Amino acid sequence: MNTIAHFDTISQLLQSLLTDDIFLVEIKVKPINNYKIYLDADGGLGIEKCIKINRALYKHMEEMALYPEGDFSLEVSSPGIDEPLKLFRQYKKNVGRNVEVTFNDASKKEGQLLEVNENELTIGYTEGKGKKMVEHQQIIPFSDIKQTKVLIKF
């Protein structure tokens, strides 16, 4: 079996393990059969769920003898906080949070993610200070967006 066939098999096995509100964000395959699987969940994805899915998927891969010599590795995690949002479902889950939108021309805009639909998102932001402070809303089509990242403030 080649890597593409393994990828498809692993994707199918993984889908059967995704329960509740957990969804697949991305699968990356690195050289030497290193699979990195990124999951998310509408209600948040704890490490316990990642460990449970990792163990179950690993067991299935071994039982199917996808790699008879055992020469593969598997990592299951949520995308890092510095990873851009990739799926519409991730945008929906992050409504209300502060985001940084990078446009196709490399310009950026920060604001609170107010709304999202299949075609665009709306962010809210303020300009000015004190009595001159003005609240704005900007609708941004997804076609204009290079990437969007959630901003974490401490």
N, C-alpha and C. Protein backbone atom coordinates (compact mmCIF):
# COMPACT_ATOMS: atom_id res chain seq x y z
N MET A 1 0.84 -1.19 0.00
CA MET A 1 0.00 0.00 0.00
C MET A 1 0.88 1.24 0.00
N ASN A 2 0.44 2.25 -0.72
CA ASN A 2 1.21 3.48 -0.74
C ASN A 2 0.67 4.49 0.27
N THR A 3 1.36 5.59 0.38
CA THR A 3 1.00 6.59 1.38
C THR A 3 -0.41 7.14 1.15
N ILE A 4 -0.80 7.34 -0.11
CA ILE A 4 -2.14 7.88 -0.40
C ILE A 4 -3.21 6.90 0.06
N ALA A 5 -3.01 5.62 -0.22
CA ALA A 5 -3.98 4.61 0.22
C ALA A 5 -4.05 4.56 1.75
N HIS A 6 -2.89 4.63 2.41
CA HIS A 6 -2.86 4.66 3.88
C HIS A 6 -3.59 5.91 4.39
N PHE A 7 -3.35 7.03 3.75
CA PHE A 7 -3.98 8.30 4.15
C PHE A 7 -5.50 8.14 4.11
N ASP A 8 -6.02 7.58 3.01
CA ASP A 8 -7.47 7.39 2.89
C ASP A 8 -8.00 6.44 3.95
N THR A 9 -7.29 5.35 4.19
CA THR A 9 -7.71 4.38 5.21
C THR A 9 -7.71 5.02 6.59
N ILE A 10 -6.66 5.75 6.90
CA ILE A 10 -6.55 6.41 8.21
C ILE A 10 -7.65 7.45 8.36
N SER A 11 -7.94 8.20 7.30
CA SER A 11 -9.02 9.19 7.34
C SER A 11 -10.35 8.52 7.66
N GLN A 12 -10.62 7.38 7.03
CA GLN A 12 -11.88 6.65 7.28
C GLN A 12 -11.92 6.12 8.71
N LEU A 13 -10.83 5.55 9.18
CA LEU A 13 -10.77 5.06 10.56
C LEU A 13 -11.02 6.19 11.54
N LEU A 14 -10.40 7.32 11.26
CA LEU A 14 -10.51 8.47 12.15
C LEU A 14 -11.95 8.97 12.23
N GLN A 15 -12.62 9.05 11.08
CA GLN A 15 -14.01 9.55 11.06
C GLN A 15 -14.90 8.71 11.98
N SER A 16 -14.65 7.41 12.04
CA SER A 16 -15.47 6.55 12.89
C SER A 16 -15.23 6.81 14.37
N LEU A 17 -14.09 7.44 14.70
CA LEU A 17 -13.75 7.71 16.10
C LEU A 17 -14.20 9.09 16.58
N LEU A 18 -14.57 9.95 15.64
CA LEU A 18 -14.96 11.32 16.01
C LEU A 18 -16.40 11.32 16.51
N THR A 19 -16.55 11.58 17.78
CA THR A 19 -17.87 11.57 18.41
C THR A 19 -18.20 12.96 18.93
N ASP A 20 -19.41 13.09 19.41
CA ASP A 20 -19.88 14.36 19.98
C ASP A 20 -19.69 15.48 18.97
N ASP A 21 -19.01 16.52 19.37
CA ASP A 21 -18.83 17.69 18.50
C ASP A 21 -17.41 17.79 17.96
N ILE A 22 -16.65 16.69 17.99
CA ILE A 22 -15.26 16.69 17.53
C ILE A 22 -15.24 16.60 16.00
N PHE A 23 -14.36 17.39 15.39
CA PHE A 23 -14.23 17.35 13.93
C PHE A 23 -12.78 17.45 13.51
N LEU A 24 -12.51 16.93 12.33
CA LEU A 24 -11.17 16.93 11.76
C LEU A 24 -10.86 18.28 11.13
N VAL A 25 -9.70 18.83 11.47
CA VAL A 25 -9.24 20.08 10.86
C VAL A 25 -8.26 19.76 9.74
N GLU A 26 -7.28 18.88 10.02
CA GLU A 26 -6.25 18.62 9.03
C GLU A 26 -5.46 17.37 9.41
N ILE A 27 -4.99 16.68 8.39
CA ILE A 27 -4.04 15.59 8.58
C ILE A 27 -2.79 15.94 7.78
N LYS A 28 -1.65 15.91 8.44
CA LYS A 28 -0.37 16.14 7.76
C LYS A 28 0.43 14.85 7.84
N VAL A 29 1.03 14.48 6.74
CA VAL A 29 1.89 13.30 6.73
C VAL A 29 3.30 13.77 6.46
N LYS A 30 4.18 13.50 7.40
CA LYS A 30 5.58 13.88 7.27
C LYS A 30 6.38 12.66 6.82
N PRO A 31 7.59 12.89 6.35
CA PRO A 31 8.43 11.74 5.97
C PRO A 31 8.53 10.73 7.12
N ILE A 32 8.88 9.56 6.78
CA ILE A 32 8.97 8.41 7.69
C ILE A 32 7.64 8.09 8.38
N ASN A 33 6.55 8.27 7.62
CA ASN A 33 5.21 7.86 8.07
C ASN A 33 4.80 8.47 9.41
N ASN A 34 5.08 9.74 9.58
CA ASN A 34 4.68 10.47 10.78
C ASN A 34 3.37 11.19 10.48
N TYR A 35 2.29 10.74 11.11
CA TYR A 35 0.97 11.33 10.90
C TYR A 35 0.68 12.32 12.02
N LYS A 36 0.37 13.55 11.62
CA LYS A 36 -0.03 14.58 12.58
C LYS A 36 -1.49 14.91 12.27
N ILE A 37 -2.35 14.64 13.23
CA ILE A 37 -3.78 14.82 13.04
C ILE A 37 -4.24 15.94 13.96
N TYR A 38 -4.90 16.93 13.35
CA TYR A 38 -5.38 18.09 14.10
C TYR A 38 -6.90 18.03 14.16
N LEU A 39 -7.42 18.01 15.38
CA LEU A 39 -8.85 17.95 15.64
C LEU A 39 -9.28 19.19 16.41
N ASP A 40 -10.56 19.46 16.34
CA ASP A 40 -11.12 20.55 17.13
C ASP A 40 -12.51 20.09 17.56
N ALA A 41 -13.13 20.87 18.42
CA ALA A 41 -14.48 20.55 18.87
C ALA A 41 -15.22 21.85 19.14
N ASP A 42 -16.51 21.84 18.86
CA ASP A 42 -17.30 23.06 19.06
C ASP A 42 -17.26 23.52 20.50
N GLY A 43 -17.22 22.56 21.43
CA GLY A 43 -17.20 22.90 22.85
C GLY A 43 -15.82 22.86 23.47
N GLY A 44 -14.79 22.83 22.65
CA GLY A 44 -13.42 22.75 23.17
C GLY A 44 -12.95 21.30 23.20
N LEU A 45 -11.67 21.11 22.93
CA LEU A 45 -11.11 19.77 22.84
C LEU A 45 -10.03 19.60 23.89
N GLY A 46 -10.32 18.79 24.88
CA GLY A 46 -9.36 18.55 25.95
C GLY A 46 -8.34 17.49 25.56
N ILE A 47 -7.25 17.46 26.27
CA ILE A 47 -6.16 16.52 26.01
C ILE A 47 -6.63 15.08 26.17
N GLU A 48 -7.57 14.84 27.09
CA GLU A 48 -8.05 13.48 27.33
C GLU A 48 -8.69 12.90 26.07
N LYS A 49 -9.47 13.72 25.37
CA LYS A 49 -10.11 13.26 24.14
C LYS A 49 -9.07 12.97 23.06
N CYS A 50 -8.05 13.81 22.97
CA CYS A 50 -6.98 13.58 21.99
C CYS A 50 -6.26 12.26 22.27
N ILE A 51 -5.98 12.01 23.55
CA ILE A 51 -5.29 10.78 23.93
C ILE A 51 -6.15 9.57 23.60
N LYS A 52 -7.43 9.64 23.91
CA LYS A 52 -8.35 8.53 23.65
C LYS A 52 -8.41 8.22 22.15
N ILE A 53 -8.53 9.24 21.32
CA ILE A 53 -8.60 9.05 19.87
C ILE A 53 -7.27 8.54 19.34
N ASN A 54 -6.17 9.08 19.86
CA ASN A 54 -4.84 8.63 19.42
C ASN A 54 -4.67 7.14 19.70
N ARG A 55 -5.00 6.71 20.90
CA ARG A 55 -4.83 5.30 21.26
C ARG A 55 -5.70 4.38 20.40
N ALA A 56 -6.95 4.79 20.19
CA ALA A 56 -7.87 3.97 19.40
C ALA A 56 -7.42 3.88 17.94
N LEU A 57 -7.01 5.01 17.37
CA LEU A 57 -6.56 5.02 15.98
C LEU A 57 -5.28 4.21 15.82
N TYR A 58 -4.36 4.38 16.75
CA TYR A 58 -3.09 3.63 16.72
C TYR A 58 -3.38 2.12 16.75
N LYS A 59 -4.28 1.72 17.62
CA LYS A 59 -4.64 0.30 17.75
C LYS A 59 -5.21 -0.22 16.43
N HIS A 60 -6.12 0.54 15.82
CA HIS A 60 -6.71 0.13 14.54
C HIS A 60 -5.63 0.01 13.46
N MET A 61 -4.70 0.96 13.44
CA MET A 61 -3.64 0.93 12.43
C MET A 61 -2.75 -0.30 12.61
N GLU A 62 -2.47 -0.64 13.85
CA GLU A 62 -1.66 -1.84 14.12
C GLU A 62 -2.43 -3.11 13.75
N GLU A 63 -3.71 -3.18 14.13
CA GLU A 63 -4.51 -4.37 13.84
C GLU A 63 -4.65 -4.60 12.34
N MET A 64 -4.73 -3.52 11.57
CA MET A 64 -4.85 -3.64 10.12
C MET A 64 -3.51 -3.88 9.44
N ALA A 65 -2.44 -3.82 10.22
CA ALA A 65 -1.07 -4.00 9.71
C ALA A 65 -0.78 -3.07 8.54
N LEU A 66 -1.20 -1.80 8.70
CA LEU A 66 -0.91 -0.81 7.65
C LEU A 66 0.60 -0.65 7.47
N TYR A 67 1.30 -0.73 8.58
CA TYR A 67 2.77 -0.67 8.55
C TYR A 67 3.26 -1.90 9.31
N PRO A 68 3.44 -3.02 8.60
CA PRO A 68 3.80 -4.29 9.26
C PRO A 68 5.04 -4.20 10.14
N GLU A 69 5.97 -3.36 9.77
CA GLU A 69 7.19 -3.22 10.56
C GLU A 69 7.00 -2.27 11.74
N GLY A 70 5.81 -1.67 11.84
CA GLY A 70 5.55 -0.72 12.92
C GLY A 70 6.27 0.60 12.74
N ASP A 71 6.66 0.90 11.50
CA ASP A 71 7.45 2.10 11.24
C ASP A 71 6.56 3.31 10.92
N PHE A 72 5.74 3.69 11.90
CA PHE A 72 4.92 4.89 11.77
C PHE A 72 4.79 5.53 13.14
N SER A 73 4.45 6.80 13.12
CA SER A 73 4.15 7.48 14.38
C SER A 73 2.87 8.28 14.18
N LEU A 74 2.21 8.55 15.27
CA LEU A 74 0.90 9.18 15.23
C LEU A 74 0.81 10.22 16.33
N GLU A 75 0.42 11.42 15.95
CA GLU A 75 0.20 12.49 16.92
C GLU A 75 -1.19 13.05 16.69
N VAL A 76 -1.99 13.14 17.72
CA VAL A 76 -3.32 13.71 17.65
C VAL A 76 -3.38 14.88 18.62
N SER A 77 -3.74 16.04 18.11
CA SER A 77 -3.82 17.23 18.96
C SER A 77 -4.79 18.23 18.35
N SER A 78 -5.04 19.28 19.09
CA SER A 78 -5.78 20.39 18.52
C SER A 78 -4.77 21.32 17.86
N PRO A 79 -5.20 22.12 16.89
CA PRO A 79 -4.25 23.06 16.28
C PRO A 79 -3.73 24.01 17.35
N GLY A 80 -2.51 24.40 17.25
CA GLY A 80 -1.95 25.36 18.19
C GLY A 80 -2.67 26.70 18.09
N ILE A 81 -2.64 27.46 19.16
CA ILE A 81 -3.33 28.74 19.19
C ILE A 81 -2.80 29.70 18.13
N ASP A 82 -1.57 29.47 17.69
CA ASP A 82 -0.99 30.34 16.67
C ASP A 82 -1.32 29.88 15.24
N GLU A 83 -2.09 28.79 15.13
CA GLU A 83 -2.47 28.30 13.80
C GLU A 83 -3.69 29.07 13.29
N PRO A 84 -3.68 29.41 12.01
CA PRO A 84 -4.84 30.11 11.45
C PRO A 84 -6.07 29.20 11.41
N LEU A 85 -7.23 29.83 11.42
CA LEU A 85 -8.48 29.09 11.28
C LEU A 85 -8.54 28.55 9.86
N LYS A 86 -8.97 27.30 9.69
CA LYS A 86 -9.01 26.68 8.37
C LYS A 86 -10.43 26.36 7.91
N LEU A 87 -11.31 26.06 8.84
CA LEU A 87 -12.64 25.60 8.49
C LEU A 87 -13.71 26.58 8.95
N PHE A 88 -14.80 26.62 8.21
CA PHE A 88 -15.95 27.45 8.57
C PHE A 88 -16.40 27.15 9.99
N ARG A 89 -16.39 25.87 10.35
CA ARG A 89 -16.81 25.46 11.70
C ARG A 89 -15.92 26.09 12.77
N GLN A 90 -14.63 26.28 12.48
CA GLN A 90 -13.74 26.93 13.44
C GLN A 90 -14.10 28.42 13.58
N TYR A 91 -14.44 29.05 12.47
CA TYR A 91 -14.86 30.45 12.54
C TYR A 91 -16.11 30.58 13.42
N LYS A 92 -17.10 29.71 13.18
CA LYS A 92 -18.34 29.78 13.96
C LYS A 92 -18.07 29.61 15.45
N LYS A 93 -17.19 28.68 15.77
CA LYS A 93 -16.87 28.39 17.16
C LYS A 93 -16.21 29.58 17.86
N ASN A 94 -15.53 30.43 17.08
CA ASN A 94 -14.78 31.55 17.66
C ASN A 94 -15.49 32.89 17.59
N VAL A 95 -16.77 32.90 17.23
CA VAL A 95 -17.54 34.15 17.25
C VAL A 95 -17.49 34.71 18.67
N GLY A 96 -17.22 35.99 18.78
CA GLY A 96 -17.11 36.66 20.08
C GLY A 96 -15.68 36.86 20.53
N ARG A 97 -14.75 36.18 19.88
CA ARG A 97 -13.33 36.30 20.25
C ARG A 97 -12.65 37.34 19.36
N ASN A 98 -11.53 37.83 19.83
CA ASN A 98 -10.75 38.78 19.04
C ASN A 98 -9.90 38.02 18.03
N VAL A 99 -9.85 38.55 16.81
CA VAL A 99 -9.11 37.91 15.73
C VAL A 99 -8.25 38.93 15.00
N GLU A 100 -7.26 38.41 14.30
CA GLU A 100 -6.46 39.21 13.40
C GLU A 100 -6.65 38.63 12.01
N VAL A 101 -7.19 39.45 11.11
CA VAL A 101 -7.43 39.03 9.74
C VAL A 101 -6.29 39.57 8.88
N THR A 102 -5.64 38.68 8.13
CA THR A 102 -4.62 39.08 7.18
C THR A 102 -5.24 38.98 5.79
N PHE A 103 -5.22 40.09 5.09
CA PHE A 103 -5.81 40.14 3.76
C PHE A 103 -4.83 39.61 2.72
N ASN A 104 -5.35 39.35 1.53
CA ASN A 104 -4.51 38.85 0.43
C ASN A 104 -3.37 39.80 0.09
N ASP A 105 -3.56 41.10 0.33
CA ASP A 105 -2.50 42.09 0.05
C ASP A 105 -1.54 42.26 1.23
N ALA A 106 -1.64 41.40 2.24
CA ALA A 106 -0.78 41.36 3.44
C ALA A 106 -1.16 42.42 4.48
N SER A 107 -2.13 43.28 4.23
CA SER A 107 -2.58 44.21 5.26
C SER A 107 -3.36 43.41 6.31
N LYS A 108 -3.50 44.00 7.50
CA LYS A 108 -4.13 43.29 8.62
C LYS A 108 -5.17 44.18 9.30
N LYS A 109 -6.13 43.52 9.93
CA LYS A 109 -7.15 44.23 10.70
C LYS A 109 -7.49 43.37 11.90
N GLU A 110 -7.48 43.97 13.08
CA GLU A 110 -7.87 43.29 14.30
C GLU A 110 -9.26 43.72 14.70
N GLY A 111 -10.00 42.80 15.29
CA GLY A 111 -11.32 43.14 15.80
C GLY A 111 -11.97 41.92 16.40
N GLN A 112 -13.17 42.13 16.90
CA GLN A 112 -13.94 41.04 17.49
C GLN A 112 -14.76 40.39 16.38
N LEU A 113 -14.67 39.07 16.29
CA LEU A 113 -15.44 38.33 15.31
C LEU A 113 -16.90 38.35 15.75
N LEU A 114 -17.73 39.07 15.00
CA LEU A 114 -19.12 39.26 15.39
C LEU A 114 -20.06 38.26 14.74
N GLU A 115 -19.84 38.00 13.44
CA GLU A 115 -20.72 37.11 12.69
C GLU A 115 -19.90 36.40 11.63
N VAL A 116 -20.44 35.27 11.19
CA VAL A 116 -19.79 34.54 10.10
C VAL A 116 -20.87 33.77 9.33
N ASN A 117 -20.73 33.75 8.01
CA ASN A 117 -21.56 32.88 7.18
C ASN A 117 -20.65 32.26 6.13
N GLU A 118 -21.20 31.51 5.21
CA GLU A 118 -20.36 30.78 4.26
C GLU A 118 -19.51 31.68 3.38
N ASN A 119 -19.92 32.94 3.20
CA ASN A 119 -19.24 33.84 2.26
C ASN A 119 -18.37 34.91 2.89
N GLU A 120 -18.68 35.28 4.14
CA GLU A 120 -17.99 36.42 4.74
C GLU A 120 -18.05 36.38 6.25
N LEU A 121 -17.24 37.25 6.84
CA LEU A 121 -17.30 37.42 8.28
C LEU A 121 -17.43 38.91 8.58
N THR A 122 -17.87 39.20 9.78
CA THR A 122 -18.00 40.59 10.22
C THR A 122 -17.18 40.75 11.49
N ILE A 123 -16.33 41.78 11.51
CA ILE A 123 -15.58 42.09 12.73
C ILE A 123 -15.99 43.47 13.21
N GLY A 124 -15.89 43.66 14.52
CA GLY A 124 -16.15 44.94 15.14
C GLY A 124 -14.86 45.45 15.77
N TYR A 125 -14.62 46.76 15.64
CA TYR A 125 -13.41 47.35 16.22
C TYR A 125 -13.69 48.82 16.54
N THR A 126 -12.86 49.40 17.41
CA THR A 126 -13.01 50.80 17.78
C THR A 126 -11.80 51.59 17.29
N GLU A 127 -12.06 52.85 16.98
CA GLU A 127 -10.98 53.77 16.61
C GLU A 127 -11.12 55.01 17.47
N GLY A 128 -9.99 55.61 17.81
CA GLY A 128 -9.99 56.82 18.62
C GLY A 128 -10.06 56.50 20.10
N LYS A 129 -9.99 57.57 20.91
CA LYS A 129 -10.02 57.41 22.36
C LYS A 129 -10.99 58.41 22.96
N GLY A 130 -11.45 58.06 24.16
CA GLY A 130 -12.33 58.96 24.90
C GLY A 130 -13.59 59.31 24.13
N LYS A 131 -13.90 60.64 24.07
CA LYS A 131 -15.12 61.09 23.40
C LYS A 131 -15.05 60.90 21.89
N LYS A 132 -13.85 60.74 21.36
CA LYS A 132 -13.69 60.57 19.92
C LYS A 132 -13.69 59.10 19.49
N MET A 133 -13.94 58.22 20.44
CA MET A 133 -13.94 56.80 20.13
C MET A 133 -15.18 56.45 19.30
N VAL A 134 -14.94 55.76 18.20
CA VAL A 134 -16.02 55.37 17.29
C VAL A 134 -15.96 53.86 17.06
N GLU A 135 -17.11 53.23 17.17
CA GLU A 135 -17.20 51.79 16.92
C GLU A 135 -17.51 51.56 15.45
N HIS A 136 -16.82 50.58 14.86
CA HIS A 136 -17.02 50.25 13.45
C HIS A 136 -17.30 48.76 13.31
N GLN A 137 -17.97 48.42 12.22
CA GLN A 137 -18.12 47.03 11.82
C GLN A 137 -17.65 46.93 10.38
N GLN A 138 -16.96 45.86 10.08
CA GLN A 138 -16.47 45.65 8.73
C GLN A 138 -16.82 44.24 8.28
N ILE A 139 -17.45 44.17 7.12
CA ILE A 139 -17.77 42.88 6.51
C ILE A 139 -16.63 42.53 5.57
N ILE A 140 -16.10 41.32 5.74
CA ILE A 140 -14.94 40.90 4.94
C ILE A 140 -15.27 39.60 4.22
N PRO A 141 -15.28 39.61 2.89
CA PRO A 141 -15.51 38.36 2.16
C PRO A 141 -14.33 37.40 2.36
N PHE A 142 -14.62 36.12 2.47
CA PHE A 142 -13.56 35.13 2.63
C PHE A 142 -12.57 35.17 1.47
N SER A 143 -13.05 35.57 0.29
CA SER A 143 -12.17 35.63 -0.88
C SER A 143 -11.07 36.68 -0.72
N ASP A 144 -11.25 37.64 0.20
CA ASP A 144 -10.24 38.68 0.46
C ASP A 144 -9.27 38.30 1.57
N ILE A 145 -9.51 37.16 2.23
CA ILE A 145 -8.75 36.78 3.42
C ILE A 145 -7.67 35.75 3.07
N LYS A 146 -6.45 36.08 3.48
CA LYS A 146 -5.35 35.11 3.37
C LYS A 146 -5.39 34.16 4.56
N GLN A 147 -5.54 34.73 5.78
CA GLN A 147 -5.66 33.90 6.98
C GLN A 147 -6.29 34.71 8.10
N THR A 148 -6.83 33.98 9.08
CA THR A 148 -7.40 34.58 10.29
C THR A 148 -6.87 33.81 11.48
N LYS A 149 -6.38 34.56 12.47
CA LYS A 149 -5.90 33.93 13.70
C LYS A 149 -6.66 34.51 14.89
N VAL A 150 -6.90 33.65 15.86
CA VAL A 150 -7.53 34.09 17.11
C VAL A 150 -6.44 34.75 17.95
N LEU A 151 -6.77 35.91 18.52
CA LEU A 151 -5.83 36.63 19.38
C LEU A 151 -6.13 36.30 20.83
N ILE A 152 -5.10 35.96 21.56
CA ILE A 152 -5.25 35.65 22.98
C ILE A 152 -4.64 36.80 23.77
N LYS A 153 -5.44 37.38 24.63
CA LYS A 153 -4.96 38.49 25.47
C LYS A 153 -4.83 37.99 26.90
N PHE A 154 -3.70 38.31 27.50
CA PHE A 154 -3.45 37.91 28.88
C PHE A 154 -3.56 39.09 29.80
